[in-house]
PDB file of N, CA and C in Angstrom:
ATOM      1  N   MET A   1       9.728  49.483 -36.628  1.00  0.00           N
ATOM      2  CA  MET A   1       8.883  48.847 -35.649  1.00  0.00           C
ATOM      3  C   MET A   1       8.968  47.323 -35.833  1.00  0.00           C
ATOM      4  N   LYS A   2       9.162  46.669 -34.749  1.00  0.00           N
ATOM      5  CA  LYS A   2       9.337  45.217 -34.813  1.00  0.00           C
ATOM      6  C   LYS A   2       7.990  44.513 -34.788  1.00  0.00           C
ATOM      7  N   ASN A   3       7.957  43.422 -35.460  1.00  0.00           N
ATOM      8  CA  ASN A   3       6.791  42.561 -35.513  1.00  0.00           C
ATOM      9  C   ASN A   3       6.739  41.746 -34.210  1.00  0.00           C
ATOM     10  N   ILE A   4       5.535  41.404 -33.724  1.00  0.00           N
ATOM     11  CA  ILE A   4       5.397  40.650 -32.468  1.00  0.00           C
ATOM     12  C   ILE A   4       6.014  39.263 -32.605  1.00  0.00           C
ATOM     13  N   SER A   5       5.807  38.588 -33.719  1.00  0.00           N
ATOM     14  CA  SER A   5       6.354  37.239 -33.885  1.00  0.00           C
ATOM     15  C   SER A   5       7.881  37.259 -33.902  1.00  0.00           C
ATOM     16  N   SER A   6       8.469  38.291 -34.487  1.00  0.00           N
ATOM     17  CA  SER A   6       9.930  38.365 -34.469  1.00  0.00           C
ATOM     18  C   SER A   6      10.440  38.666 -33.070  1.00  0.00           C
ATOM     19  N   PHE A   7       9.642  39.413 -32.295  1.00  0.00           N
ATOM     20  CA  PHE A   7      10.021  39.694 -30.911  1.00  0.00           C
ATOM     21  C   PHE A   7      10.033  38.407 -30.085  1.00  0.00           C
ATOM     22  N   LEU A   8       9.017  37.555 -30.282  1.00  0.00           N
ATOM     23  CA  LEU A   8       8.944  36.301 -29.536  1.00  0.00           C
ATOM     24  C   LEU A   8      10.059  35.342 -29.944  1.00  0.00           C
ATOM     25  N   LYS A   9      10.475  35.380 -31.198  1.00  0.00           N
ATOM     26  CA  LYS A   9      11.542  34.506 -31.658  1.00  0.00           C
ATOM     27  C   LYS A   9      12.895  34.924 -31.103  1.00  0.00           C
ATOM     28  N   GLU A  10      13.036  36.207 -30.791  1.00  0.00           N
ATOM     29  CA  GLU A  10      14.305  36.704 -30.284  1.00  0.00           C
ATOM     30  C   GLU A  10      14.488  36.456 -28.788  1.00  0.00           C
ATOM     31  N   LYS A  11      13.432  36.033 -28.114  1.00  0.00           N
ATOM     32  CA  LYS A  11      13.555  35.778 -26.685  1.00  0.00           C
ATOM     33  C   LYS A  11      14.561  34.668 -26.436  1.00  0.00           C
ATOM     34  N   LYS A  12      15.347  34.825 -25.414  1.00  0.00           N
ATOM     35  CA  LYS A  12      16.395  33.860 -25.107  1.00  0.00           C
ATOM     36  C   LYS A  12      16.042  32.979 -23.903  1.00  0.00           C
ATOM     37  N   ALA A  13      14.771  32.815 -23.613  1.00  0.00           N
ATOM     38  CA  ALA A  13      14.354  32.018 -22.454  1.00  0.00           C
ATOM     39  C   ALA A  13      14.599  30.533 -22.715  1.00  0.00           C
ATOM     40  N   GLN A  14      14.882  29.830 -21.667  1.00  0.00           N
ATOM     41  CA  GLN A  14      15.123  28.391 -21.753  1.00  0.00           C
ATOM     42  C   GLN A  14      13.782  27.661 -21.692  1.00  0.00           C
ATOM     43  N   GLU A  15      13.548  26.759 -22.607  1.00  0.00           N
ATOM     44  CA  GLU A  15      12.321  25.972 -22.597  1.00  0.00           C
ATOM     45  C   GLU A  15      12.552  24.687 -21.810  1.00  0.00           C
ATOM     46  N   ILE A  16      11.485  24.217 -21.142  1.00  0.00           N
ATOM     47  CA  ILE A  16      11.567  22.949 -20.430  1.00  0.00           C
ATOM     48  C   ILE A  16      10.428  22.066 -20.940  1.00  0.00           C
ATOM     49  N   ASN A  17      10.744  20.847 -21.214  1.00  0.00           N
ATOM     50  CA  ASN A  17       9.798  19.905 -21.774  1.00  0.00           C
ATOM     51  C   ASN A  17       8.790  19.478 -20.701  1.00  0.00           C
ATOM     52  N   VAL A  18       7.543  19.211 -21.093  1.00  0.00           N
ATOM     53  CA  VAL A  18       6.507  18.772 -20.163  1.00  0.00           C
ATOM     54  C   VAL A  18       6.886  17.427 -19.554  1.00  0.00           C
ATOM     55  N   THR A  19       7.486  16.552 -20.324  1.00  0.00           N
ATOM     56  CA  THR A  19       7.913  15.246 -19.820  1.00  0.00           C
ATOM     57  C   THR A  19       8.924  15.411 -18.698  1.00  0.00           C
ATOM     58  N   THR A  20       9.820  16.377 -18.843  1.00  0.00           N
ATOM     59  CA  THR A  20      10.813  16.632 -17.801  1.00  0.00           C
ATOM     60  C   THR A  20      10.135  17.087 -16.515  1.00  0.00           C
ATOM     61  N   ILE A  21       9.133  17.925 -16.624  1.00  0.00           N
ATOM     62  CA  ILE A  21       8.405  18.400 -15.439  1.00  0.00           C
ATOM     63  C   ILE A  21       7.704  17.234 -14.754  1.00  0.00           C
ATOM     64  N   ILE A  22       7.085  16.355 -15.521  1.00  0.00           N
ATOM     65  CA  ILE A  22       6.396  15.191 -14.941  1.00  0.00           C
ATOM     66  C   ILE A  22       7.389  14.269 -14.252  1.00  0.00           C
ATOM     67  N   ILE A  23       8.533  14.034 -14.852  1.00  0.00           N
ATOM     68  CA  ILE A  23       9.559  13.182 -14.238  1.00  0.00           C
ATOM     69  C   ILE A  23      10.064  13.798 -12.940  1.00  0.00           C
ATOM     70  N   ILE A  24      10.250  15.100 -12.921  1.00  0.00           N
ATOM     71  CA  ILE A  24      10.696  15.782 -11.692  1.00  0.00           C
ATOM     72  C   ILE A  24       9.646  15.644 -10.595  1.00  0.00           C
ATOM     73  N   ILE A  25       8.371  15.821 -10.937  1.00  0.00           N
ATOM     74  CA  ILE A  25       7.298  15.687  -9.944  1.00  0.00           C
ATOM     75  C   ILE A  25       7.243  14.265  -9.400  1.00  0.00           C
ATOM     76  N   LEU A  26       7.338  13.265 -10.287  1.00  0.00           N
ATOM     77  CA  LEU A  26       7.330  11.870  -9.833  1.00  0.00           C
ATOM     78  C   LEU A  26       8.531  11.560  -8.946  1.00  0.00           C
ATOM     79  N   ALA A  27       9.703  12.094  -9.291  1.00  0.00           N
ATOM     80  CA  ALA A  27      10.900  11.871  -8.481  1.00  0.00           C
ATOM     81  C   ALA A  27      10.732  12.478  -7.092  1.00  0.00           C
ATOM     82  N   VAL A  28      10.136  13.650  -7.014  1.00  0.00           N
ATOM     83  CA  VAL A  28       9.897  14.286  -5.711  1.00  0.00           C
ATOM     84  C   VAL A  28       8.912  13.468  -4.895  1.00  0.00           C
ATOM     85  N   LEU A  29       7.855  12.949  -5.527  1.00  0.00           N
ATOM     86  CA  LEU A  29       6.888  12.112  -4.807  1.00  0.00           C
ATOM     87  C   LEU A  29       7.529  10.833  -4.276  1.00  0.00           C
ATOM     88  N   VAL A  30       8.371  10.212  -5.078  1.00  0.00           N
ATOM     89  CA  VAL A  30       9.070   8.997  -4.627  1.00  0.00           C
ATOM     90  C   VAL A  30       9.995   9.325  -3.460  1.00  0.00           C
ATOM     91  N   MET A  31      10.690  10.439  -3.534  1.00  0.00           N
ATOM     92  CA  MET A  31      11.579  10.850  -2.430  1.00  0.00           C
ATOM     93  C   MET A  31      10.781  11.087  -1.141  1.00  0.00           C
ATOM     94  N   VAL A  32       9.632  11.751  -1.258  1.00  0.00           N
ATOM     95  CA  VAL A  32       8.785  11.995  -0.083  1.00  0.00           C
ATOM     96  C   VAL A  32       8.304  10.669   0.492  1.00  0.00           C
ATOM     97  N   PHE A  33       7.902   9.737  -0.374  1.00  0.00           N
ATOM     98  CA  PHE A  33       7.449   8.420   0.081  1.00  0.00           C
ATOM     99  C   PHE A  33       8.563   7.667   0.803  1.00  0.00           C
ATOM    100  N   LEU A  34       9.765   7.693   0.259  1.00  0.00           N
ATOM    101  CA  LEU A  34      10.895   7.016   0.899  1.00  0.00           C
ATOM    102  C   LEU A  34      11.255   7.650   2.240  1.00  0.00           C
ATOM    103  N   ILE A  35      11.275   8.960   2.288  1.00  0.00           N
ATOM    104  CA  ILE A  35      11.573   9.649   3.553  1.00  0.00           C
ATOM    105  C   ILE A  35      10.513   9.315   4.589  1.00  0.00           C
ATOM    106  N   PHE A  36       9.245   9.332   4.184  1.00  0.00           N
ATOM    107  CA  PHE A  36       8.155   9.001   5.096  1.00  0.00           C
ATOM    108  C   PHE A  36       8.284   7.556   5.585  1.00  0.00           C
ATOM    109  N   GLY A  37       8.601   6.639   4.678  1.00  0.00           N
ATOM    110  CA  GLY A  37       8.733   5.234   5.045  1.00  0.00           C
ATOM    111  C   GLY A  37       9.865   4.974   6.007  1.00  0.00           C
ATOM    112  N   PHE A  38      10.998   5.627   5.787  1.00  0.00           N
ATOM    113  CA  PHE A  38      12.139   5.397   6.671  1.00  0.00           C
ATOM    114  C   PHE A  38      12.004   6.119   8.006  1.00  0.00           C
ATOM    115  N   THR A  39      11.284   7.223   8.068  1.00  0.00           N
ATOM    116  CA  THR A  39      11.136   7.931   9.346  1.00  0.00           C
ATOM    117  C   THR A  39      10.025   7.337  10.197  1.00  0.00           C
ATOM    118  N   VAL A  40       8.898   6.974   9.595  1.00  0.00           N
ATOM    119  CA  VAL A  40       7.768   6.435  10.351  1.00  0.00           C
ATOM    120  C   VAL A  40       7.937   4.942  10.591  1.00  0.00           C
ATOM    121  N   GLY A  41       8.555   4.261   9.647  1.00  0.00           N
ATOM    122  CA  GLY A  41       8.712   2.803   9.738  1.00  0.00           C
ATOM    123  C   GLY A  41       7.809   2.138   8.732  1.00  0.00           C
ATOM    124  N   TRP A  42       8.361   1.180   7.995  1.00  0.00           N
ATOM    125  CA  TRP A  42       7.597   0.553   6.919  1.00  0.00           C
ATOM    126  C   TRP A  42       6.402  -0.230   7.428  1.00  0.00           C
ATOM    127  N   SER A  43       6.490  -0.770   8.636  1.00  0.00           N
ATOM    128  CA  SER A  43       5.351  -1.532   9.163  1.00  0.00           C
ATOM    129  C   SER A  43       4.161  -0.620   9.435  1.00  0.00           C
ATOM    130  N   ASN A  44       4.409   0.669   9.626  1.00  0.00           N
ATOM    131  CA  ASN A  44       3.315   1.618   9.821  1.00  0.00           C
ATOM    132  C   ASN A  44       2.830   2.213   8.505  1.00  0.00           C
ATOM    133  N   VAL A  45       3.649   2.134   7.474  1.00  0.00           N
ATOM    134  CA  VAL A  45       3.291   2.751   6.196  1.00  0.00           C
ATOM    135  C   VAL A  45       2.366   1.853   5.385  1.00  0.00           C
ATOM    136  N   TRP A  46       2.673   0.544   5.297  1.00  0.00           N
ATOM    137  CA  TRP A  46       1.890  -0.336   4.436  1.00  0.00           C
ATOM    138  C   TRP A  46       0.417  -0.417   4.827  1.00  0.00           C
ATOM    139  N   PRO A  47       0.054  -0.519   6.116  1.00  0.00           N
ATOM    140  CA  PRO A  47      -1.380  -0.533   6.434  1.00  0.00           C
ATOM    141  C   PRO A  47      -2.095   0.749   6.026  1.00  0.00           C
ATOM    142  N   ARG A  48      -1.400   1.872   6.125  1.00  0.00           N
ATOM    143  CA  ARG A  48      -2.018   3.140   5.705  1.00  0.00           C
ATOM    144  C   ARG A  48      -2.252   3.158   4.203  1.00  0.00           C
ATOM    145  N   ILE A  49      -1.301   2.634   3.448  1.00  0.00           N
ATOM    146  CA  ILE A  49      -1.447   2.604   1.991  1.00  0.00           C
ATOM    147  C   ILE A  49      -2.576   1.647   1.605  1.00  0.00           C
ATOM    148  N   ALA A  50      -2.601   0.482   2.221  1.00  0.00           N
ATOM    149  CA  ALA A  50      -3.655  -0.491   1.914  1.00  0.00           C
ATOM    150  C   ALA A  50      -5.025   0.067   2.275  1.00  0.00           C
ATOM    151  N   GLY A  51      -5.116   0.753   3.399  1.00  0.00           N
ATOM    152  CA  GLY A  51      -6.380   1.364   3.797  1.00  0.00           C
ATOM    153  C   GLY A  51      -6.792   2.485   2.868  1.00  0.00           C
ATOM    154  N   PHE A  52      -5.836   3.213   2.362  1.00  0.00           N
ATOM    155  CA  PHE A  52      -6.114   4.324   1.445  1.00  0.00           C
ATOM    156  C   PHE A  52      -6.715   3.825   0.146  1.00  0.00           C
ATOM    157  N   PHE A  53      -6.235   2.696  -0.347  1.00  0.00           N
ATOM    158  CA  PHE A  53      -6.735   2.142  -1.595  1.00  0.00           C
ATOM    159  C   PHE A  53      -7.894   1.174  -1.382  1.00  0.00           C
ATOM    160  N   GLY A  54      -8.336   1.000  -0.144  1.00  0.00           N
ATOM    161  CA  GLY A  54      -9.484   0.154   0.135  1.00  0.00           C
ATOM    162  C   GLY A  54      -9.176  -1.323   0.153  1.00  0.00           C
ATOM    163  N   ALA A  55      -7.907  -1.693   0.180  1.00  0.00           N
ATOM    164  CA  ALA A  55      -7.545  -3.107   0.142  1.00  0.00           C
ATOM    165  C   ALA A  55      -7.287  -3.663   1.530  1.00  0.00           C
ATOM    166  N   GLY A  56      -7.531  -2.900   2.565  1.00  0.00           N
ATOM    167  CA  GLY A  56      -7.172  -3.322   3.901  1.00  0.00           C
ATOM    168  C   GLY A  56      -8.154  -4.266   4.553  1.00  0.00           C
ATOM    169  N   THR A  57      -9.436  -4.173   4.225  1.00  0.00           N
ATOM    170  CA  THR A  57     -10.453  -4.963   4.900  1.00  0.00           C
ATOM    171  C   THR A  57     -11.019  -6.006   3.949  1.00  0.00           C
ATOM    172  N   MET A  58     -11.159  -7.246   4.471  1.00  0.00           N
ATOM    173  CA  MET A  58     -11.682  -8.340   3.658  1.00  0.00           C
ATOM    174  C   MET A  58     -12.957  -8.881   4.289  1.00  0.00           C
ATOM    175  N   THR A  59     -13.737  -9.562   3.474  1.00  0.00           N
ATOM    176  CA  THR A  59     -14.890 -10.290   4.011  1.00  0.00           C
ATOM    177  C   THR A  59     -14.364 -11.582   4.639  1.00  0.00           C
ATOM    178  N   ASP A  60     -15.234 -12.271   5.354  1.00  0.00           N
ATOM    179  CA  ASP A  60     -14.827 -13.530   5.992  1.00  0.00           C
ATOM    180  C   ASP A  60     -14.359 -14.558   4.959  1.00  0.00           C
ATOM    181  N   ALA A  61     -15.077 -14.659   3.850  1.00  0.00           N
ATOM    182  CA  ALA A  61     -14.720 -15.642   2.818  1.00  0.00           C
ATOM    183  C   ALA A  61     -13.379 -15.292   2.173  1.00  0.00           C
ATOM    184  N   ASP A  62     -13.167 -13.993   1.902  1.00  0.00           N
ATOM    185  CA  ASP A  62     -11.892 -13.569   1.313  1.00  0.00           C
ATOM    186  C   ASP A  62     -10.737 -13.810   2.280  1.00  0.00           C
ATOM    187  N   ALA A  63     -10.967 -13.531   3.569  1.00  0.00           N
ATOM    188  CA  ALA A  63      -9.919 -13.736   4.568  1.00  0.00           C
ATOM    189  C   ALA A  63      -9.573 -15.214   4.693  1.00  0.00           C
ATOM    190  N   LYS A  64     -10.578 -16.081   4.641  1.00  0.00           N
ATOM    191  CA  LYS A  64     -10.317 -17.520   4.731  1.00  0.00           C
ATOM    192  C   LYS A  64      -9.518 -17.989   3.516  1.00  0.00           C
ATOM    193  N   ALA A  65      -9.891 -17.533   2.325  1.00  0.00           N
ATOM    194  CA  ALA A  65      -9.163 -17.909   1.116  1.00  0.00           C
ATOM    195  C   ALA A  65      -7.728 -17.387   1.165  1.00  0.00           C
ATOM    196  N   TYR A  66      -7.553 -16.164   1.661  1.00  0.00           N
ATOM    197  CA  TYR A  66      -6.219 -15.570   1.785  1.00  0.00           C
ATOM    198  C   TYR A  66      -5.360 -16.378   2.753  1.00  0.00           C
ATOM    199  N   CYS A  67      -5.928 -16.725   3.908  1.00  0.00           N
ATOM    200  CA  CYS A  67      -5.185 -17.492   4.908  1.00  0.00           C
ATOM    201  C   CYS A  67      -4.880 -18.911   4.419  1.00  0.00           C
ATOM    202  N   ASP A  68      -5.835 -19.510   3.693  1.00  0.00           N
ATOM    203  CA  ASP A  68      -5.599 -20.850   3.129  1.00  0.00           C
ATOM    204  C   ASP A  68      -4.414 -20.843   2.171  1.00  0.00           C
ATOM    205  N   SER A  69      -4.366 -19.840   1.288  1.00  0.00           N
ATOM    206  CA  SER A  69      -3.261 -19.793   0.327  1.00  0.00           C
ATOM    207  C   SER A  69      -1.939 -19.475   1.019  1.00  0.00           C
ATOM    208  N   ALA A  70      -1.976 -18.628   2.049  1.00  0.00           N
ATOM    209  CA  ALA A  70      -0.756 -18.330   2.795  1.00  0.00           C
ATOM    210  C   ALA A  70      -0.300 -19.561   3.581  1.00  0.00           C
ATOM    211  N   PHE A  71      -1.249 -20.364   4.058  1.00  0.00           N
ATOM    212  CA  PHE A  71      -0.924 -21.572   4.816  1.00  0.00           C
ATOM    213  C   PHE A  71      -0.173 -22.578   3.955  1.00  0.00           C
ATOM    214  N   LEU A  72      -0.503 -22.640   2.669  1.00  0.00           N
ATOM    215  CA  LEU A  72       0.189 -23.560   1.763  1.00  0.00           C
ATOM    216  C   LEU A  72       1.649 -23.169   1.579  1.00  0.00           C
ATOM    217  N   THR A  73       1.936 -21.880   1.697  1.00  0.00           N
ATOM    218  CA  THR A  73       3.306 -21.396   1.517  1.00  0.00           C
ATOM    219  C   THR A  73       4.136 -21.599   2.775  1.00  0.00           C
ATOM    220  N   SER A  74       3.645 -21.092   3.898  1.00  0.00           N
ATOM    221  CA  SER A  74       4.374 -21.192   5.159  1.00  0.00           C
ATOM    222  C   SER A  74       3.373 -21.329   6.291  1.00  0.00           C
ATOM    223  N   LYS A  75       3.315 -22.515   6.878  1.00  0.00           N
ATOM    224  CA  LYS A  75       2.300 -22.801   7.887  1.00  0.00           C
ATOM    225  C   LYS A  75       2.386 -21.886   9.101  1.00  0.00           C
ATOM    226  N   GLU A  76       3.573 -21.772   9.700  1.00  0.00           N
ATOM    227  CA  GLU A  76       3.702 -20.985  10.923  1.00  0.00           C
ATOM    228  C   GLU A  76       3.485 -19.498  10.659  1.00  0.00           C
ATOM    229  N   ALA A  77       4.063 -18.995   9.592  1.00  0.00           N
ATOM    230  CA  ALA A  77       3.912 -17.572   9.279  1.00  0.00           C
ATOM    231  C   ALA A  77       2.458 -17.250   8.962  1.00  0.00           C
ATOM    232  N   ALA A  78       1.773 -18.149   8.253  1.00  0.00           N
ATOM    233  CA  ALA A  78       0.385 -17.893   7.878  1.00  0.00           C
ATOM    234  C   ALA A  78      -0.520 -17.886   9.100  1.00  0.00           C
ATOM    235  N   CYS A  79      -0.326 -18.811  10.012  1.00  0.00           N
ATOM    236  CA  CYS A  79      -1.196 -18.884  11.188  1.00  0.00           C
ATOM    237  C   CYS A  79      -1.022 -17.668  12.096  1.00  0.00           C
ATOM    238  N   CYS A  80       0.138 -17.064  12.084  1.00  0.00           N
ATOM    239  CA  CYS A  80       0.395 -15.901  12.929  1.00  0.00           C
ATOM    240  C   CYS A  80       0.096 -14.576  12.224  1.00  0.00           C
ATOM    241  N   MET A  81      -0.211 -14.635  10.941  1.00  0.00           N
ATOM    242  CA  MET A  81      -0.452 -13.432  10.153  1.00  0.00           C
ATOM    243  C   MET A  81      -1.747 -12.753  10.592  1.00  0.00           C
ATOM    244  N   LYS A  82      -1.713 -11.423  10.715  1.00  0.00           N
ATOM    245  CA  LYS A  82      -2.920 -10.673  11.070  1.00  0.00           C
ATOM    246  C   LYS A  82      -3.608 -10.177   9.811  1.00  0.00           C
ATOM    247  N   VAL A  83      -4.938 -10.266   9.829  1.00  0.00           N
ATOM    248  CA  VAL A  83      -5.751  -9.863   8.694  1.00  0.00           C
ATOM    249  C   VAL A  83      -6.850  -8.948   9.207  1.00  0.00           C
ATOM    250  N   SER A  84      -7.191  -7.940   8.437  1.00  0.00           N
ATOM    251  CA  SER A  84      -8.284  -7.046   8.784  1.00  0.00           C
ATOM    252  C   SER A  84      -9.562  -7.566   8.146  1.00  0.00           C
ATOM    253  N   VAL A  85     -10.518  -7.967   8.985  1.00  0.00           N
ATOM    254  CA  VAL A  85     -11.755  -8.585   8.513  1.00  0.00           C
ATOM    255  C   VAL A  85     -12.927  -7.671   8.855  1.00  0.00           C
ATOM    256  N   LEU A  86     -13.868  -7.561   7.928  1.00  0.00           N
ATOM    257  CA  LEU A  86     -15.051  -6.741   8.142  1.00  0.00           C
ATOM    258  C   LEU A  86     -16.028  -7.484   9.032  1.00  0.00           C
ATOM    259  N   ASP A  87     -16.374  -6.876  10.158  1.00  0.00           N
ATOM    260  CA  ASP A  87     -17.369  -7.446  11.064  1.00  0.00           C
ATOM    261  C   ASP A  87     -18.748  -7.069  10.530  1.00  0.00           C
ATOM    262  N   THR A  88     -19.523  -8.063  10.138  1.00  0.00           N
ATOM    263  CA  THR A  88     -20.816  -7.777   9.511  1.00  0.00           C
ATOM    264  C   THR A  88     -21.820  -7.178  10.494  1.00  0.00           C
ATOM    265  N   ALA A  89     -21.673  -7.467  11.774  1.00  0.00           N
ATOM    266  CA  ALA A  89     -22.616  -6.940  12.763  1.00  0.00           C
ATOM    267  C   ALA A  89     -22.435  -5.440  12.970  1.00  0.00           C
ATOM    268  N   THR A  90     -21.183  -5.001  13.074  1.00  0.00           N
ATOM    269  CA  THR A  90     -20.922  -3.588  13.354  1.00  0.00           C
ATOM    270  C   THR A  90     -20.534  -2.797  12.111  1.00  0.00           C
ATOM    271  N   GLY A  91     -20.073  -3.479  11.069  1.00  0.00           N
ATOM    272  CA  GLY A  91     -19.634  -2.796   9.860  1.00  0.00           C
ATOM    273  C   GLY A  91     -18.240  -2.208   9.977  1.00  0.00           C
ATOM    274  N   LYS A  92     -17.514  -2.582  11.032  1.00  0.00           N
ATOM    275  CA  LYS A  92     -16.163  -2.066  11.249  1.00  0.00           C
ATOM    276  C   LYS A  92     -15.132  -3.159  11.002  1.00  0.00           C
ATOM    277  N   ALA A  93     -13.903  -2.731  10.747  1.00  0.00           N
ATOM    278  CA  ALA A  93     -12.804  -3.673  10.524  1.00  0.00           C
ATOM    279  C   ALA A  93     -12.299  -4.208  11.861  1.00  0.00           C
ATOM    280  N   VAL A  94     -12.108  -5.513  11.919  1.00  0.00           N
ATOM    281  CA  VAL A  94     -11.600  -6.181  13.115  1.00  0.00           C
ATOM    282  C   VAL A  94     -10.321  -6.913  12.729  1.00  0.00           C
ATOM    283  N   SER A  95      -9.298  -6.802  13.561  1.00  0.00           N
ATOM    284  CA  SER A  95      -8.043  -7.484  13.291  1.00  0.00           C
ATOM    285  C   SER A  95      -8.087  -8.893  13.877  1.00  0.00           C
ATOM    286  N   LYS A  96      -7.857  -9.880  13.022  1.00  0.00           N
ATOM    287  CA  LYS A  96      -7.831 -11.287  13.451  1.00  0.00           C
ATOM    288  C   LYS A  96      -6.570 -11.925  12.900  1.00  0.00           C
ATOM    289  N   THR A  97      -6.124 -12.974  13.563  1.00  0.00           N
ATOM    290  CA  THR A  97      -5.018 -13.758  13.016  1.00  0.00           C
ATOM    291  C   THR A  97      -5.611 -14.863  12.145  1.00  0.00           C
ATOM    292  N   CYS A  98      -4.805 -15.376  11.259  1.00  0.00           N
ATOM    293  CA  CYS A  98      -5.270 -16.493  10.427  1.00  0.00           C
ATOM    294  C   CYS A  98      -5.541 -17.721  11.289  1.00  0.00           C
ATOM    295  N   LYS A  99      -4.900 -17.796  12.446  1.00  0.00           N
ATOM    296  CA  LYS A  99      -5.151 -18.908  13.374  1.00  0.00           C
ATOM    297  C   LYS A  99      -6.600 -18.864  13.857  1.00  0.00           C
ATOM    298  N   GLN A 100      -7.109 -17.651  14.108  1.00  0.00           N
ATOM    299  CA  GLN A 100      -8.507 -17.512  14.517  1.00  0.00           C
ATOM    300  C   GLN A 100      -9.456 -17.821  13.363  1.00  0.00           C
ATOM    301  N   ILE A 101      -9.046 -17.484  12.151  1.00  0.00           N
ATOM    302  CA  ILE A 101      -9.911 -17.696  10.992  1.00  0.00           C
ATOM    303  C   ILE A 101      -9.921 -19.164  10.572  1.00  0.00           C
ATOM    304  N   LEU A 102      -8.742 -19.787  10.539  1.00  0.00           N
ATOM    305  CA  LEU A 102      -8.644 -21.165  10.071  1.00  0.00           C
ATOM    306  C   LEU A 102      -9.030 -22.186  11.126  1.00  0.00           C
ATOM    307  N   GLY A 103      -8.861 -21.840  12.380  1.00  0.00           N
ATOM    308  CA  GLY A 103      -9.270 -22.732  13.460  1.00  0.00           C
ATOM    309  C   GLY A 103      -8.314 -23.890  13.686  1.00  0.00           C
ATOM    310  N   SER A 104      -8.836 -25.122  13.659  1.00  0.00           N
ATOM    311  CA  SER A 104      -8.091 -26.303  14.066  1.00  0.00           C
ATOM    312  C   SER A 104      -6.916 -26.623  13.157  1.00  0.00           C
ATOM    313  N   ILE A 105      -6.924 -26.132  11.938  1.00  0.00           N
ATOM    314  CA  ILE A 105      -5.802 -26.420  11.028  1.00  0.00           C
ATOM    315  C   ILE A 105      -4.501 -25.816  11.544  1.00  0.00           C
ATOM    316  N   CYS A 106      -4.605 -24.775  12.361  1.00  0.00           N
ATOM    317  CA  CYS A 106      -3.403 -24.117  12.902  1.00  0.00           C
ATOM    318  C   CYS A 106      -3.055 -24.583  14.310  1.00  0.00           C
ATOM    319  N   ASP A 107      -3.719 -25.605  14.819  1.00  0.00           N
ATOM    320  CA  ASP A 107      -3.457 -26.080  16.187  1.00  0.00           C
ATOM    321  C   ASP A 107      -2.023 -26.573  16.356  1.00  0.00           C
ATOM    322  N   ALA A 108      -1.389 -27.041  15.289  1.00  0.00           N
ATOM    323  CA  ALA A 108      -0.019 -27.528  15.388  1.00  0.00           C
ATOM    324  C   ALA A 108       0.969 -26.378  15.642  1.00  0.00           C
ATOM    325  N   VAL A 109       0.597 -25.178  15.255  1.00  0.00           N
ATOM    326  CA  VAL A 109       1.455 -24.014  15.502  1.00  0.00           C
ATOM    327  C   VAL A 109       1.304 -23.637  16.972  1.00  0.00           C
ATOM    328  N   ILE A 110       2.428 -23.605  17.682  1.00  0.00           N
ATOM    329  CA  ILE A 110       2.385 -23.447  19.125  1.00  0.00           C
ATOM    330  C   ILE A 110       2.002 -22.019  19.544  1.00  0.00           C
ATOM    331  N   THR A 111       2.852 -21.063  19.251  1.00  0.00           N
ATOM    332  CA  THR A 111       2.552 -19.693  19.645  1.00  0.00           C
ATOM    333  C   THR A 111       2.972 -18.728  18.535  1.00  0.00           C
ATOM    334  N   CYS A 112       2.337 -17.604  18.553  1.00  0.00           N
ATOM    335  CA  CYS A 112       2.709 -16.529  17.637  1.00  0.00           C
ATOM    336  C   CYS A 112       3.404 -15.432  18.437  1.00  0.00           C
ATOM    337  N   ALA A 113       4.422 -14.846  17.839  1.00  0.00           N
ATOM    338  CA  ALA A 113       5.166 -13.780  18.544  1.00  0.00           C
ATOM    339  C   ALA A 113       4.370 -12.512  18.616  1.00  0.00           C
TER     340      ALA A 113
END
């Protein structure tokens, strides 16, 4: 009669490391993300990701600081940039351009595409 421990030692099953399973799962998630990004379009993916993590909506003060720092880098691009700002009256996110937030500082920028 065979002992149970000797029976388990004689098994010829292939073992797989937990680290390997985690790497495979992460690789599949990255592949799904890339496929989603290329099929839907990256401009549609980033707002969804930002909204998912709660980084999509800013207060008025945060939006002004964000637009000010972007203005120092590239004036025209910053003035035309859209930002999601929290409307304090309704509690909903409103899309504004930095030109609307900064006001007269962006008057030199003619038009936004």
